[in-house]
Amino acid sequence: MSDLELGLNSRGDDVRALQVDLRRFGVLVPGFEVSEAVFGAGTQAAVRQLQASAGLEPSGVFDAHAREALDQALRVAQYPTPRVEGRLLTEWGSPAGWATIRLCREARDHLPRDRPGIWSTRP
């Protein structure tokens, strides 16, 4: 996609690429606008929705700030939400309902370790 701003009545491959990305982001873009590669009222509404969700002024013009917001949203969307399933048991096999579990994506080197890779919040 080029660095040009896209707005109402823009046409072409850049518009179609934007519309495909907006759909990947999860906003509705009318199919006839996509098939004709035209930036119509539906695409404008989708861009406004993206801008509002990113805390930007919802102008409906796809500019560099909106492009950055969409790129960031698509990077986040490509990774599934972390999820942990299972049962936590004590060393004796009974449920450990009193335990607190935290899922972290970064190293917690400031926490004491029980053993390599196992962090403890116990003092």
PDB file of N, CA and C in Angstrom:
ATOM      1  N   MET A   1       0.843  -1.170   0.000  1.00  0.00           N
ATOM      2  CA  MET A   1       0.000   0.000   0.000  1.00  0.00           C
ATOM      3  C   MET A   1       0.892   1.239   0.000  1.00  0.00           C
ATOM      4  N   SER A   2       0.550   2.245  -0.772  1.00  0.00           N
ATOM      5  CA  SER A   2       1.369   3.446  -0.869  1.00  0.00           C
ATOM      6  C   SER A   2       1.154   4.333   0.356  1.00  0.00           C
ATOM      7  N   ASP A   3       1.918   5.430   0.401  1.00  0.00           N
ATOM      8  CA  ASP A   3       1.820   6.361   1.515  1.00  0.00           C
ATOM      9  C   ASP A   3       0.792   7.466   1.273  1.00  0.00           C
ATOM     10  N   LEU A   4       0.034   7.367   0.191  1.00  0.00           N
ATOM     11  CA  LEU A   4      -0.967   8.375  -0.105  1.00  0.00           C
ATOM     12  C   LEU A   4      -2.145   8.261   0.847  1.00  0.00           C
ATOM     13  N   GLU A   5      -2.795   9.408   1.097  1.00  0.00           N
ATOM     14  CA  GLU A   5      -4.029   9.378   1.874  1.00  0.00           C
ATOM     15  C   GLU A   5      -5.146   8.872   0.981  1.00  0.00           C
ATOM     16  N   LEU A   6      -6.022   8.084   1.571  1.00  0.00           N
ATOM     17  CA  LEU A   6      -7.181   7.578   0.843  1.00  0.00           C
ATOM     18  C   LEU A   6      -8.434   8.134   1.493  1.00  0.00           C
ATOM     19  N   GLY A   7      -9.363   8.589   0.668  1.00  0.00           N
ATOM     20  CA  GLY A   7     -10.603   9.151   1.168  1.00  0.00           C
ATOM     21  C   GLY A   7     -11.752   8.816   0.245  1.00  0.00           C
ATOM     22  N   LEU A   8     -12.878   9.400   0.558  1.00  0.00           N
ATOM     23  CA  LEU A   8     -14.103   9.154  -0.199  1.00  0.00           C
ATOM     24  C   LEU A   8     -13.858   9.316  -1.701  1.00  0.00           C
ATOM     25  N   ASN A   9     -14.303   8.322  -2.455  1.00  0.00           N
ATOM     26  CA  ASN A   9     -14.208   8.247  -3.919  1.00  0.00           C
ATOM     27  C   ASN A   9     -12.823   7.866  -4.441  1.00  0.00           C
ATOM     28  N   SER A  10     -11.864   7.568  -3.554  1.00  0.00           N
ATOM     29  CA  SER A  10     -10.588   7.030  -4.030  1.00  0.00           C
ATOM     30  C   SER A  10     -10.861   5.656  -4.632  1.00  0.00           C
ATOM     31  N   ARG A  11     -10.028   5.264  -5.594  1.00  0.00           N
ATOM     32  CA  ARG A  11     -10.212   3.982  -6.262  1.00  0.00           C
ATOM     33  C   ARG A  11      -8.861   3.325  -6.493  1.00  0.00           C
ATOM     34  N   GLY A  12      -8.900   1.982  -6.670  1.00  0.00           N
ATOM     35  CA  GLY A  12      -7.695   1.293  -7.093  1.00  0.00           C
ATOM     36  C   GLY A  12      -7.233   0.213  -6.137  1.00  0.00           C
ATOM     37  N   ASP A  13      -6.039  -0.303  -6.440  1.00  0.00           N
ATOM     38  CA  ASP A  13      -5.485  -1.422  -5.679  1.00  0.00           C
ATOM     39  C   ASP A  13      -5.218  -1.067  -4.223  1.00  0.00           C
ATOM     40  N   ASP A  14      -4.780   0.174  -3.965  1.00  0.00           N
ATOM     41  CA  ASP A  14      -4.536   0.576  -2.579  1.00  0.00           C
ATOM     42  C   ASP A  14      -5.833   0.551  -1.776  1.00  0.00           C
ATOM     43  N   VAL A  15      -6.921   0.964  -2.383  1.00  0.00           N
ATOM     44  CA  VAL A  15      -8.219   0.940  -1.705  1.00  0.00           C
ATOM     45  C   VAL A  15      -8.626  -0.500  -1.416  1.00  0.00           C
ATOM     46  N   ARG A  16      -8.466  -1.368  -2.413  1.00  0.00           N
ATOM     47  CA  ARG A  16      -8.839  -2.773  -2.210  1.00  0.00           C
ATOM     48  C   ARG A  16      -7.984  -3.400  -1.094  1.00  0.00           C
ATOM     49  N   ALA A  17      -6.687  -3.118  -1.080  1.00  0.00           N
ATOM     50  CA  ALA A  17      -5.814  -3.657  -0.019  1.00  0.00           C
ATOM     51  C   ALA A  17      -6.260  -3.149   1.346  1.00  0.00           C
ATOM     52  N   LEU A  18      -6.619  -1.866   1.428  1.00  0.00           N
ATOM     53  CA  LEU A  18      -7.139  -1.307   2.677  1.00  0.00           C
ATOM     54  C   LEU A  18      -8.406  -2.033   3.103  1.00  0.00           C
ATOM     55  N   GLN A  19      -9.320  -2.248   2.178  1.00  0.00           N
ATOM     56  CA  GLN A  19     -10.586  -2.896   2.504  1.00  0.00           C
ATOM     57  C   GLN A  19     -10.376  -4.327   2.994  1.00  0.00           C
ATOM     58  N   VAL A  20      -9.459  -5.037   2.378  1.00  0.00           N
ATOM     59  CA  VAL A  20      -9.149  -6.397   2.819  1.00  0.00           C
ATOM     60  C   VAL A  20      -8.587  -6.368   4.238  1.00  0.00           C
ATOM     61  N   ASP A  21      -7.681  -5.418   4.507  1.00  0.00           N
ATOM     62  CA  ASP A  21      -7.116  -5.308   5.856  1.00  0.00           C
ATOM     63  C   ASP A  21      -8.168  -4.901   6.881  1.00  0.00           C
ATOM     64  N   LEU A  22      -9.068  -4.015   6.503  1.00  0.00           N
ATOM     65  CA  LEU A  22     -10.138  -3.631   7.426  1.00  0.00           C
ATOM     66  C   LEU A  22     -11.012  -4.828   7.768  1.00  0.00           C
ATOM     67  N   ARG A  23     -11.285  -5.667   6.785  1.00  0.00           N
ATOM     68  CA  ARG A  23     -12.057  -6.886   7.056  1.00  0.00           C
ATOM     69  C   ARG A  23     -11.284  -7.820   7.982  1.00  0.00           C
ATOM     70  N   ARG A  24      -9.965  -7.941   7.780  1.00  0.00           N
ATOM     71  CA  ARG A  24      -9.147  -8.766   8.681  1.00  0.00           C
ATOM     72  C   ARG A  24      -9.178  -8.202  10.100  1.00  0.00           C
ATOM     73  N   PHE A  25      -9.281  -6.885  10.216  1.00  0.00           N
ATOM     74  CA  PHE A  25      -9.384  -6.212  11.513  1.00  0.00           C
ATOM     75  C   PHE A  25     -10.739  -6.502  12.159  1.00  0.00           C
ATOM     76  N   GLY A  26     -11.733  -6.863  11.341  1.00  0.00           N
ATOM     77  CA  GLY A  26     -13.026  -7.246  11.891  1.00  0.00           C
ATOM     78  C   GLY A  26     -14.134  -6.239  11.688  1.00  0.00           C
ATOM     79  N   VAL A  27     -13.928  -5.257  10.814  1.00  0.00           N
ATOM     80  CA  VAL A  27     -14.990  -4.289  10.558  1.00  0.00           C
ATOM     81  C   VAL A  27     -15.629  -4.587   9.207  1.00  0.00           C
ATOM     82  N   LEU A  28     -16.886  -4.243   9.111  1.00  0.00           N
ATOM     83  CA  LEU A  28     -17.663  -4.527   7.907  1.00  0.00           C
ATOM     84  C   LEU A  28     -17.333  -3.520   6.812  1.00  0.00           C
ATOM     85  N   VAL A  29     -17.009  -4.044   5.647  1.00  0.00           N
ATOM     86  CA  VAL A  29     -16.826  -3.230   4.443  1.00  0.00           C
ATOM     87  C   VAL A  29     -17.749  -3.840   3.384  1.00  0.00           C
ATOM     88  N   PRO A  30     -18.624  -3.041   2.794  1.00  0.00           N
ATOM     89  CA  PRO A  30     -19.562  -3.595   1.812  1.00  0.00           C
ATOM     90  C   PRO A  30     -18.845  -4.309   0.662  1.00  0.00           C
ATOM     91  N   GLY A  31     -19.373  -5.459   0.306  1.00  0.00           N
ATOM     92  CA  GLY A  31     -18.768  -6.276  -0.736  1.00  0.00           C
ATOM     93  C   GLY A  31     -18.688  -5.590  -2.077  1.00  0.00           C
ATOM     94  N   PHE A  32     -19.698  -4.801  -2.426  1.00  0.00           N
ATOM     95  CA  PHE A  32     -19.663  -4.137  -3.730  1.00  0.00           C
ATOM     96  C   PHE A  32     -18.565  -3.078  -3.792  1.00  0.00           C
ATOM     97  N   GLU A  33     -18.240  -2.462  -2.639  1.00  0.00           N
ATOM     98  CA  GLU A  33     -17.137  -1.497  -2.617  1.00  0.00           C
ATOM     99  C   GLU A  33     -15.807  -2.208  -2.822  1.00  0.00           C
ATOM    100  N   VAL A  34     -15.670  -3.390  -2.226  1.00  0.00           N
ATOM    101  CA  VAL A  34     -14.443  -4.167  -2.391  1.00  0.00           C
ATOM    102  C   VAL A  34     -14.314  -4.644  -3.828  1.00  0.00           C
ATOM    103  N   SER A  35     -15.392  -5.169  -4.392  1.00  0.00           N
ATOM    104  CA  SER A  35     -15.319  -5.692  -5.762  1.00  0.00           C
ATOM    105  C   SER A  35     -15.018  -4.590  -6.772  1.00  0.00           C
ATOM    106  N   GLU A  36     -15.451  -3.366  -6.490  1.00  0.00           N
ATOM    107  CA  GLU A  36     -15.178  -2.240  -7.384  1.00  0.00           C
ATOM    108  C   GLU A  36     -13.944  -1.447  -6.968  1.00  0.00           C
ATOM    109  N   ALA A  37     -13.332  -1.815  -5.835  1.00  0.00           N
ATOM    110  CA  ALA A  37     -12.149  -1.124  -5.299  1.00  0.00           C
ATOM    111  C   ALA A  37     -12.394   0.379  -5.178  1.00  0.00           C
ATOM    112  N   VAL A  38     -13.561   0.721  -4.614  1.00  0.00           N
ATOM    113  CA  VAL A  38     -13.913   2.118  -4.431  1.00  0.00           C
ATOM    114  C   VAL A  38     -14.053   2.421  -2.937  1.00  0.00           C
ATOM    115  N   PHE A  39     -13.536   3.569  -2.534  1.00  0.00           N
ATOM    116  CA  PHE A  39     -13.621   4.037  -1.158  1.00  0.00           C
ATOM    117  C   PHE A  39     -14.951   4.769  -1.037  1.00  0.00           C
ATOM    118  N   GLY A  40     -15.979   4.020  -0.689  1.00  0.00           N
ATOM    119  CA  GLY A  40     -17.317   4.581  -0.559  1.00  0.00           C
ATOM    120  C   GLY A  40     -17.668   4.877   0.884  1.00  0.00           C
ATOM    121  N   ALA A  41     -18.943   5.126   1.115  1.00  0.00           N
ATOM    122  CA  ALA A  41     -19.426   5.463   2.456  1.00  0.00           C
ATOM    123  C   ALA A  41     -19.183   4.317   3.446  1.00  0.00           C
ATOM    124  N   GLY A  42     -19.290   3.068   2.985  1.00  0.00           N
ATOM    125  CA  GLY A  42     -19.059   1.929   3.876  1.00  0.00           C
ATOM    126  C   GLY A  42     -17.600   1.814   4.297  1.00  0.00           C
ATOM    127  N   THR A  43     -16.696   2.041   3.369  1.00  0.00           N
ATOM    128  CA  THR A  43     -15.268   2.018   3.698  1.00  0.00           C
ATOM    129  C   THR A  43     -14.940   3.184   4.618  1.00  0.00           C
ATOM    130  N   GLN A  44     -15.532   4.331   4.346  1.00  0.00           N
ATOM    131  CA  GLN A  44     -15.310   5.500   5.204  1.00  0.00           C
ATOM    132  C   GLN A  44     -15.774   5.216   6.631  1.00  0.00           C
ATOM    133  N   ALA A  45     -16.929   4.580   6.784  1.00  0.00           N
ATOM    134  CA  ALA A  45     -17.439   4.232   8.116  1.00  0.00           C
ATOM    135  C   ALA A  45     -16.503   3.240   8.808  1.00  0.00           C
ATOM    136  N   ALA A  46     -15.958   2.287   8.040  1.00  0.00           N
ATOM    137  CA  ALA A  46     -15.027   1.314   8.611  1.00  0.00           C
ATOM    138  C   ALA A  46     -13.742   1.999   9.080  1.00  0.00           C
ATOM    139  N   VAL A  47     -13.248   2.950   8.295  1.00  0.00           N
ATOM    140  CA  VAL A  47     -12.050   3.696   8.690  1.00  0.00           C
ATOM    141  C   VAL A  47     -12.334   4.522   9.937  1.00  0.00           C
ATOM    142  N   ARG A  48     -13.504   5.128  10.006  1.00  0.00           N
ATOM    143  CA  ARG A  48     -13.871   5.886  11.223  1.00  0.00           C
ATOM    144  C   ARG A  48     -13.916   4.970  12.446  1.00  0.00           C
ATOM    145  N   GLN A  49     -14.439   3.769  12.272  1.00  0.00           N
ATOM    146  CA  GLN A  49     -14.495   2.811  13.385  1.00  0.00           C
ATOM    147  C   GLN A  49     -13.079   2.449  13.830  1.00  0.00           C
ATOM    148  N   LEU A  50     -12.181   2.196  12.884  1.00  0.00           N
ATOM    149  CA  LEU A  50     -10.786   1.914  13.208  1.00  0.00           C
ATOM    150  C   LEU A  50     -10.167   3.088  13.957  1.00  0.00           C
ATOM    151  N   GLN A  51     -10.345   4.288  13.433  1.00  0.00           N
ATOM    152  CA  GLN A  51      -9.761   5.473  14.058  1.00  0.00           C
ATOM    153  C   GLN A  51     -10.272   5.670  15.481  1.00  0.00           C
ATOM    154  N   ALA A  52     -11.567   5.519  15.672  1.00  0.00           N
ATOM    155  CA  ALA A  52     -12.149   5.691  17.009  1.00  0.00           C
ATOM    156  C   ALA A  52     -11.598   4.645  17.975  1.00  0.00           C
ATOM    157  N   SER A  53     -11.456   3.402  17.513  1.00  0.00           N
ATOM    158  CA  SER A  53     -10.949   2.347  18.399  1.00  0.00           C
ATOM    159  C   SER A  53      -9.489   2.565  18.759  1.00  0.00           C
ATOM    160  N   ALA A  54      -8.764   3.319  17.924  1.00  0.00           N
ATOM    161  CA  ALA A  54      -7.354   3.603  18.185  1.00  0.00           C
ATOM    162  C   ALA A  54      -7.155   4.936  18.906  1.00  0.00           C
ATOM    163  N   GLY A  55      -8.252   5.609  19.247  1.00  0.00           N
ATOM    164  CA  GLY A  55      -8.154   6.887  19.940  1.00  0.00           C
ATOM    165  C   GLY A  55      -7.803   8.050  19.021  1.00  0.00           C
ATOM    166  N   LEU A  56      -8.001   7.863  17.731  1.00  0.00           N
ATOM    167  CA  LEU A  56      -7.734   8.921  16.762  1.00  0.00           C
ATOM    168  C   LEU A  56      -9.014   9.680  16.444  1.00  0.00           C
ATOM    169  N   GLU A  57      -8.866  10.887  15.909  1.00  0.00           N
ATOM    170  CA  GLU A  57     -10.020  11.650  15.446  1.00  0.00           C
ATOM    171  C   GLU A  57     -10.649  10.888  14.284  1.00  0.00           C
ATOM    172  N   PRO A  58     -11.937  10.503  14.392  1.00  0.00           N
ATOM    173  CA  PRO A  58     -12.572   9.704  13.336  1.00  0.00           C
ATOM    174  C   PRO A  58     -12.938  10.533  12.107  1.00  0.00           C
ATOM    175  N   SER A  59     -11.947  10.886  11.314  1.00  0.00           N
ATOM    176  CA  SER A  59     -12.155  11.725  10.131  1.00  0.00           C
ATOM    177  C   SER A  59     -12.691  10.936   8.947  1.00  0.00           C
ATOM    178  N   GLY A  60     -12.417   9.633   8.912  1.00  0.00           N
ATOM    179  CA  GLY A  60     -12.812   8.823   7.773  1.00  0.00           C
ATOM    180  C   GLY A  60     -11.811   8.843   6.647  1.00  0.00           C
ATOM    181  N   VAL A  61     -10.718   9.597   6.806  1.00  0.00           N
ATOM    182  CA  VAL A  61      -9.639   9.637   5.817  1.00  0.00           C
ATOM    183  C   VAL A  61      -8.546   8.701   6.302  1.00  0.00           C
ATOM    184  N   PHE A  62      -8.130   7.795   5.426  1.00  0.00           N
ATOM    185  CA  PHE A  62      -7.094   6.830   5.787  1.00  0.00           C
ATOM    186  C   PHE A  62      -5.732   7.468   5.535  1.00  0.00           C
ATOM    187  N   ASP A  63      -5.151   8.008   6.616  1.00  0.00           N
ATOM    188  CA  ASP A  63      -3.865   8.697   6.534  1.00  0.00           C
ATOM    189  C   ASP A  63      -2.787   7.880   7.228  1.00  0.00           C
ATOM    190  N   ALA A  64      -1.610   8.471   7.432  1.00  0.00           N
ATOM    191  CA  ALA A  64      -0.482   7.756   8.035  1.00  0.00           C
ATOM    192  C   ALA A  64      -0.799   7.283   9.452  1.00  0.00           C
ATOM    193  N   HIS A  65      -1.535   8.074  10.224  1.00  0.00           N
ATOM    194  CA  HIS A  65      -1.875   7.684  11.594  1.00  0.00           C
ATOM    195  C   HIS A  65      -2.839   6.492  11.594  1.00  0.00           C
ATOM    196  N   ALA A  66      -3.817   6.528  10.704  1.00  0.00           N
ATOM    197  CA  ALA A  66      -4.756   5.406  10.603  1.00  0.00           C
ATOM    198  C   ALA A  66      -4.041   4.162  10.101  1.00  0.00           C
ATOM    199  N   ARG A  67      -3.108   4.341   9.167  1.00  0.00           N
ATOM    200  CA  ARG A  67      -2.334   3.214   8.647  1.00  0.00           C
ATOM    201  C   ARG A  67      -1.525   2.551   9.770  1.00  0.00           C
ATOM    202  N   GLU A  68      -0.901   3.375  10.605  1.00  0.00           N
ATOM    203  CA  GLU A  68      -0.122   2.852  11.734  1.00  0.00           C
ATOM    204  C   GLU A  68      -1.026   2.099  12.719  1.00  0.00           C
ATOM    205  N   ALA A  69      -2.205   2.649  12.991  1.00  0.00           N
ATOM    206  CA  ALA A  69      -3.154   1.993  13.904  1.00  0.00           C
ATOM    207  C   ALA A  69      -3.615   0.655  13.344  1.00  0.00           C
ATOM    208  N   LEU A  70      -3.900   0.605  12.041  1.00  0.00           N
ATOM    209  CA  LEU A  70      -4.343  -0.642  11.419  1.00  0.00           C
ATOM    210  C   LEU A  70      -3.219  -1.675  11.409  1.00  0.00           C
ATOM    211  N   ASP A  71      -2.008  -1.242  11.078  1.00  0.00           N
ATOM    212  CA  ASP A  71      -0.871  -2.170  11.087  1.00  0.00           C
ATOM    213  C   ASP A  71      -0.662  -2.773  12.471  1.00  0.00           C
ATOM    214  N   GLN A  72      -0.755  -1.931  13.504  1.00  0.00           N
ATOM    215  CA  GLN A  72      -0.590  -2.420  14.874  1.00  0.00           C
ATOM    216  C   GLN A  72      -1.700  -3.401  15.246  1.00  0.00           C
ATOM    217  N   ALA A  73      -2.930  -3.083  14.889  1.00  0.00           N
ATOM    218  CA  ALA A  73      -4.057  -3.963  15.202  1.00  0.00           C
ATOM    219  C   ALA A  73      -3.912  -5.309  14.497  1.00  0.00           C
ATOM    220  N   LEU A  74      -3.436  -5.302  13.272  1.00  0.00           N
ATOM    221  CA  LEU A  74      -3.261  -6.557  12.535  1.00  0.00           C
ATOM    222  C   LEU A  74      -2.108  -7.378  13.101  1.00  0.00           C
ATOM    223  N   ARG A  75      -1.048  -6.708  13.575  1.00  0.00           N
ATOM    224  CA  ARG A  75       0.052  -7.450  14.213  1.00  0.00           C
ATOM    225  C   ARG A  75      -0.444  -8.162  15.464  1.00  0.00           C
ATOM    226  N   VAL A  76      -1.243  -7.472  16.259  1.00  0.00           N
ATOM    227  CA  VAL A  76      -1.787  -8.064  17.488  1.00  0.00           C
ATOM    228  C   VAL A  76      -2.751  -9.194  17.147  1.00  0.00           C
ATOM    229  N   ALA A  77      -3.566  -9.005  16.119  1.00  0.00           N
ATOM    230  CA  ALA A  77      -4.585  -9.998  15.767  1.00  0.00           C
ATOM    231  C   ALA A  77      -3.994 -11.288  15.220  1.00  0.00           C
ATOM    232  N   GLN A  78      -2.776 -11.247  14.714  1.00  0.00           N
ATOM    233  CA  GLN A  78      -2.215 -12.460  14.130  1.00  0.00           C
ATOM    234  C   GLN A  78      -1.805 -13.486  15.188  1.00  0.00           C
ATOM    235  N   TYR A  79      -1.715 -13.061  16.445  1.00  0.00           N
ATOM    236  CA  TYR A  79      -1.363 -13.984  17.518  1.00  0.00           C
ATOM    237  C   TYR A  79      -2.597 -14.303  18.341  1.00  0.00           C
ATOM    238  N   PRO A  80      -2.839 -15.565  18.601  1.00  0.00           N
ATOM    239  CA  PRO A  80      -4.008 -15.911  19.408  1.00  0.00           C
ATOM    240  C   PRO A  80      -3.848 -15.412  20.846  1.00  0.00           C
ATOM    241  N   THR A  81      -4.965 -15.188  21.475  1.00  0.00           N
ATOM    242  CA  THR A  81      -4.942 -14.777  22.872  1.00  0.00           C
ATOM    243  C   THR A  81      -4.385 -15.908  23.717  1.00  0.00           C
ATOM    244  N   PRO A  82      -3.399 -15.595  24.573  1.00  0.00           N
ATOM    245  CA  PRO A  82      -2.842 -16.654  25.420  1.00  0.00           C
ATOM    246  C   PRO A  82      -3.922 -17.274  26.300  1.00  0.00           C
ATOM    247  N   ARG A  83      -3.851 -18.570  26.450  1.00  0.00           N
ATOM    248  CA  ARG A  83      -4.847 -19.272  27.249  1.00  0.00           C
ATOM    249  C   ARG A  83      -4.188 -20.474  27.900  1.00  0.00           C
ATOM    250  N   VAL A  84      -4.472 -20.644  29.148  1.00  0.00           N
ATOM    251  CA  VAL A  84      -3.941 -21.777  29.894  1.00  0.00           C
ATOM    252  C   VAL A  84      -5.119 -22.596  30.389  1.00  0.00           C
ATOM    253  N   GLU A  85      -5.059 -23.878  30.175  1.00  0.00           N
ATOM    254  CA  GLU A  85      -6.113 -24.766  30.647  1.00  0.00           C
ATOM    255  C   GLU A  85      -5.484 -25.876  31.480  1.00  0.00           C
ATOM    256  N   GLY A  86      -6.253 -26.407  32.379  1.00  0.00           N
ATOM    257  CA  GLY A  86      -5.780 -27.537  33.158  1.00  0.00           C
ATOM    258  C   GLY A  86      -6.142 -27.396  34.620  1.00  0.00           C
ATOM    259  N   ARG A  87      -5.602 -28.295  35.406  1.00  0.00           N
ATOM    260  CA  ARG A  87      -5.838 -28.276  36.846  1.00  0.00           C
ATOM    261  C   ARG A  87      -4.517 -28.067  37.552  1.00  0.00           C
ATOM    262  N   LEU A  88      -4.550 -27.284  38.590  1.00  0.00           N
ATOM    263  CA  LEU A  88      -3.369 -27.065  39.399  1.00  0.00           C
ATOM    264  C   LEU A  88      -3.519 -27.906  40.666  1.00  0.00           C
ATOM    265  N   LEU A  89      -2.565 -28.804  40.864  1.00  0.00           N
ATOM    266  CA  LEU A  89      -2.614 -29.708  42.017  1.00  0.00           C
ATOM    267  C   LEU A  89      -1.400 -29.488  42.907  1.00  0.00           C
ATOM    268  N   THR A  90      -1.591 -29.742  44.178  1.00  0.00           N
ATOM    269  CA  THR A  90      -0.463 -29.697  45.096  1.00  0.00           C
ATOM    270  C   THR A  90       0.405 -30.932  44.864  1.00  0.00           C
ATOM    271  N   GLU A  91       1.521 -30.998  45.529  1.00  0.00           N
ATOM    272  CA  GLU A  91       2.400 -32.166  45.382  1.00  0.00           C
ATOM    273  C   GLU A  91       1.745 -33.451  45.904  1.00  0.00           C
ATOM    274  N   TRP A  92       0.645 -33.326  46.685  1.00  0.00           N
ATOM    275  CA  TRP A  92      -0.068 -34.500  47.198  1.00  0.00           C
ATOM    276  C   TRP A  92      -1.265 -34.875  46.322  1.00  0.00           C
ATOM    277  N   GLY A  93      -1.499 -34.103  45.229  1.00  0.00           N
ATOM    278  CA  GLY A  93      -2.577 -34.427  44.308  1.00  0.00           C
ATOM    279  C   GLY A  93      -3.907 -33.766  44.603  1.00  0.00           C
ATOM    280  N   SER A  94      -3.994 -32.955  45.635  1.00  0.00           N
ATOM    281  CA  SER A  94      -5.251 -32.263  45.929  1.00  0.00           C
ATOM    282  C   SER A  94      -5.288 -30.922  45.189  1.00  0.00           C
ATOM    283  N   PRO A  95      -6.507 -30.415  44.899  1.00  0.00           N
ATOM    284  CA  PRO A  95      -6.620 -29.144  44.174  1.00  0.00           C
ATOM    285  C   PRO A  95      -5.948 -28.003  44.925  1.00  0.00           C
ATOM    286  N   ALA A  96      -5.222 -27.177  44.193  1.00  0.00           N
ATOM    287  CA  ALA A  96      -4.514 -26.037  44.791  1.00  0.00           C
ATOM    288  C   ALA A  96      -5.291 -24.760  44.488  1.00  0.00           C
ATOM    289  N   GLY A  97      -6.490 -24.660  45.058  1.00  0.00           N
ATOM    290  CA  GLY A  97      -7.342 -23.509  44.820  1.00  0.00           C
ATOM    291  C   GLY A  97      -6.817 -22.220  45.407  1.00  0.00           C
ATOM    292  N   TRP A  98      -5.894 -22.294  46.300  1.00  0.00           N
ATOM    293  CA  TRP A  98      -5.352 -21.112  46.958  1.00  0.00           C
ATOM    294  C   TRP A  98      -4.245 -20.453  46.138  1.00  0.00           C
ATOM    295  N   ALA A  99      -3.762 -21.111  45.110  1.00  0.00           N
ATOM    296  CA  ALA A  99      -2.612 -20.610  44.349  1.00  0.00           C
ATOM    297  C   ALA A  99      -3.029 -19.530  43.357  1.00  0.00           C
ATOM    298  N   THR A 100      -2.133 -18.589  43.120  1.00  0.00           N
ATOM    299  CA  THR A 100      -2.325 -17.551  42.119  1.00  0.00           C
ATOM    300  C   THR A 100      -1.381 -17.837  40.959  1.00  0.00           C
ATOM    301  N   ILE A 101      -1.921 -17.834  39.754  1.00  0.00           N
ATOM    302  CA  ILE A 101      -1.134 -18.099  38.555  1.00  0.00           C
ATOM    303  C   ILE A 101      -1.099 -16.823  37.724  1.00  0.00           C
ATOM    304  N   ARG A 102       0.078 -16.472  37.232  1.00  0.00           N
ATOM    305  CA  ARG A 102       0.218 -15.332  36.336  1.00  0.00           C
ATOM    306  C   ARG A 102       0.921 -15.793  35.076  1.00  0.00           C
ATOM    307  N   LEU A 103       0.341 -15.469  33.934  1.00  0.00           N
ATOM    308  CA  LEU A 103       0.941 -15.796  32.653  1.00  0.00           C
ATOM    309  C   LEU A 103       1.696 -14.560  32.180  1.00  0.00           C
ATOM    310  N   CYS A 104       2.986 -14.703  31.938  1.00  0.00           N
ATOM    311  CA  CYS A 104       3.829 -13.572  31.551  1.00  0.00           C
ATOM    312  C   CYS A 104       4.518 -13.859  30.232  1.00  0.00           C
ATOM    313  N   ARG A 105       4.638 -12.837  29.404  1.00  0.00           N
ATOM    314  CA  ARG A 105       5.362 -12.977  28.147  1.00  0.00           C
ATOM    315  C   ARG A 105       6.787 -12.465  28.263  1.00  0.00           C
ATOM    316  N   GLU A 106       7.140 -11.895  29.380  1.00  0.00           N
ATOM    317  CA  GLU A 106       8.465 -11.328  29.532  1.00  0.00           C
ATOM    318  C   GLU A 106       9.151 -11.922  30.745  1.00  0.00           C
ATOM    319  N   ALA A 107      10.440 -11.792  30.769  1.00  0.00           N
ATOM    320  CA  ALA A 107      11.213 -12.337  31.892  1.00  0.00           C
ATOM    321  C   ALA A 107      10.885 -11.561  33.167  1.00  0.00           C
ATOM    322  N   ARG A 108      10.804 -12.252  34.213  1.00  0.00           N
ATOM    323  CA  ARG A 108      10.547 -11.658  35.520  1.00  0.00           C
ATOM    324  C   ARG A 108      11.780 -11.844  36.390  1.00  0.00           C
ATOM    325  N   ASP A 109      12.890 -11.277  35.957  1.00  0.00           N
ATOM    326  CA  ASP A 109      14.157 -11.489  36.654  1.00  0.00           C
ATOM    327  C   ASP A 109      14.181 -10.868  38.045  1.00  0.00           C
ATOM    328  N   HIS A 110      13.278  -9.940  38.325  1.00  0.00           N
ATOM    329  CA  HIS A 110      13.252  -9.327  39.648  1.00  0.00           C
ATOM    330  C   HIS A 110      12.560 -10.217  40.681  1.00  0.00           C
ATOM    331  N   LEU A 111      11.898 -11.291  40.243  1.00  0.00           N
ATOM    332  CA  LEU A 111      11.250 -12.210  41.177  1.00  0.00           C
ATOM    333  C   LEU A 111      12.205 -13.333  41.555  1.00  0.00           C
ATOM    334  N   PRO A 112      12.134 -13.789  42.798  1.00  0.00           N
ATOM    335  CA  PRO A 112      12.985 -14.921  43.176  1.00  0.00           C
ATOM    336  C   PRO A 112      12.540 -16.190  42.448  1.00  0.00           C
ATOM    337  N   ARG A 113      13.480 -17.078  42.194  1.00  0.00           N
ATOM    338  CA  ARG A 113      13.179 -18.325  41.489  1.00  0.00           C
ATOM    339  C   ARG A 113      13.282 -19.504  42.443  1.00  0.00           C
ATOM    340  N   ASP A 114      12.299 -20.410  42.331  1.00  0.00           N
ATOM    341  CA  ASP A 114      12.363 -21.661  43.073  1.00  0.00           C
ATOM    342  C   ASP A 114      13.402 -22.574  42.426  1.00  0.00           C
ATOM    343  N   ARG A 115      13.415 -22.587  41.106  1.00  0.00           N
ATOM    344  CA  ARG A 115      14.393 -23.318  40.311  1.00  0.00           C
ATOM    345  C   ARG A 115      14.373 -22.706  38.913  1.00  0.00           C
ATOM    346  N   PRO A 116      15.296 -23.041  38.030  1.00  0.00           N
ATOM    347  CA  PRO A 116      15.352 -22.381  36.720  1.00  0.00           C
ATOM    348  C   PRO A 116      14.002 -22.410  35.997  1.00  0.00           C
ATOM    349  N   GLY A 117      13.542 -21.217  35.594  1.00  0.00           N
ATOM    350  CA  GLY A 117      12.294 -21.102  34.857  1.00  0.00           C
ATOM    351  C   GLY A 117      11.051 -21.057  35.714  1.00  0.00           C
ATOM    352  N   ILE A 118      11.167 -21.270  37.021  1.00  0.00           N
ATOM    353  CA  ILE A 118      10.014 -21.268  37.921  1.00  0.00           C
ATOM    354  C   ILE A 118      10.171 -20.060  38.861  1.00  0.00           C
ATOM    355  N   TRP A 119       9.262 -19.098  38.719  1.00  0.00           N
ATOM    356  CA  TRP A 119       9.326 -17.917  39.554  1.00  0.00           C
ATOM    357  C   TRP A 119       8.374 -18.063  40.729  1.00  0.00           C
ATOM    358  N   SER A 120       8.724 -17.475  41.803  1.00  0.00           N
ATOM    359  CA  SER A 120       7.898 -17.538  43.001  1.00  0.00           C
ATOM    360  C   SER A 120       7.565 -16.138  43.449  1.00  0.00           C
ATOM    361  N   THR A 121       6.372 -15.955  43.961  1.00  0.00           N
ATOM    362  CA  THR A 121       6.024 -14.654  44.559  1.00  0.00           C
ATOM    363  C   THR A 121       6.128 -14.727  46.071  1.00  0.00           C
ATOM    364  N   ARG A 122       6.591 -15.877  46.547  1.00  0.00           N
ATOM    365  CA  ARG A 122       6.785 -16.014  47.993  1.00  0.00           C
ATOM    366  C   ARG A 122       8.004 -15.211  48.408  1.00  0.00           C
ATOM    367  N   PRO A 123       7.941 -14.525  49.542  1.00  0.00           N
ATOM    368  CA  PRO A 123       9.102 -13.752  50.015  1.00  0.00           C
ATOM    369  C   PRO A 123      10.260 -14.641  50.415  1.00  0.00           C
TER     370      PRO A 123
END
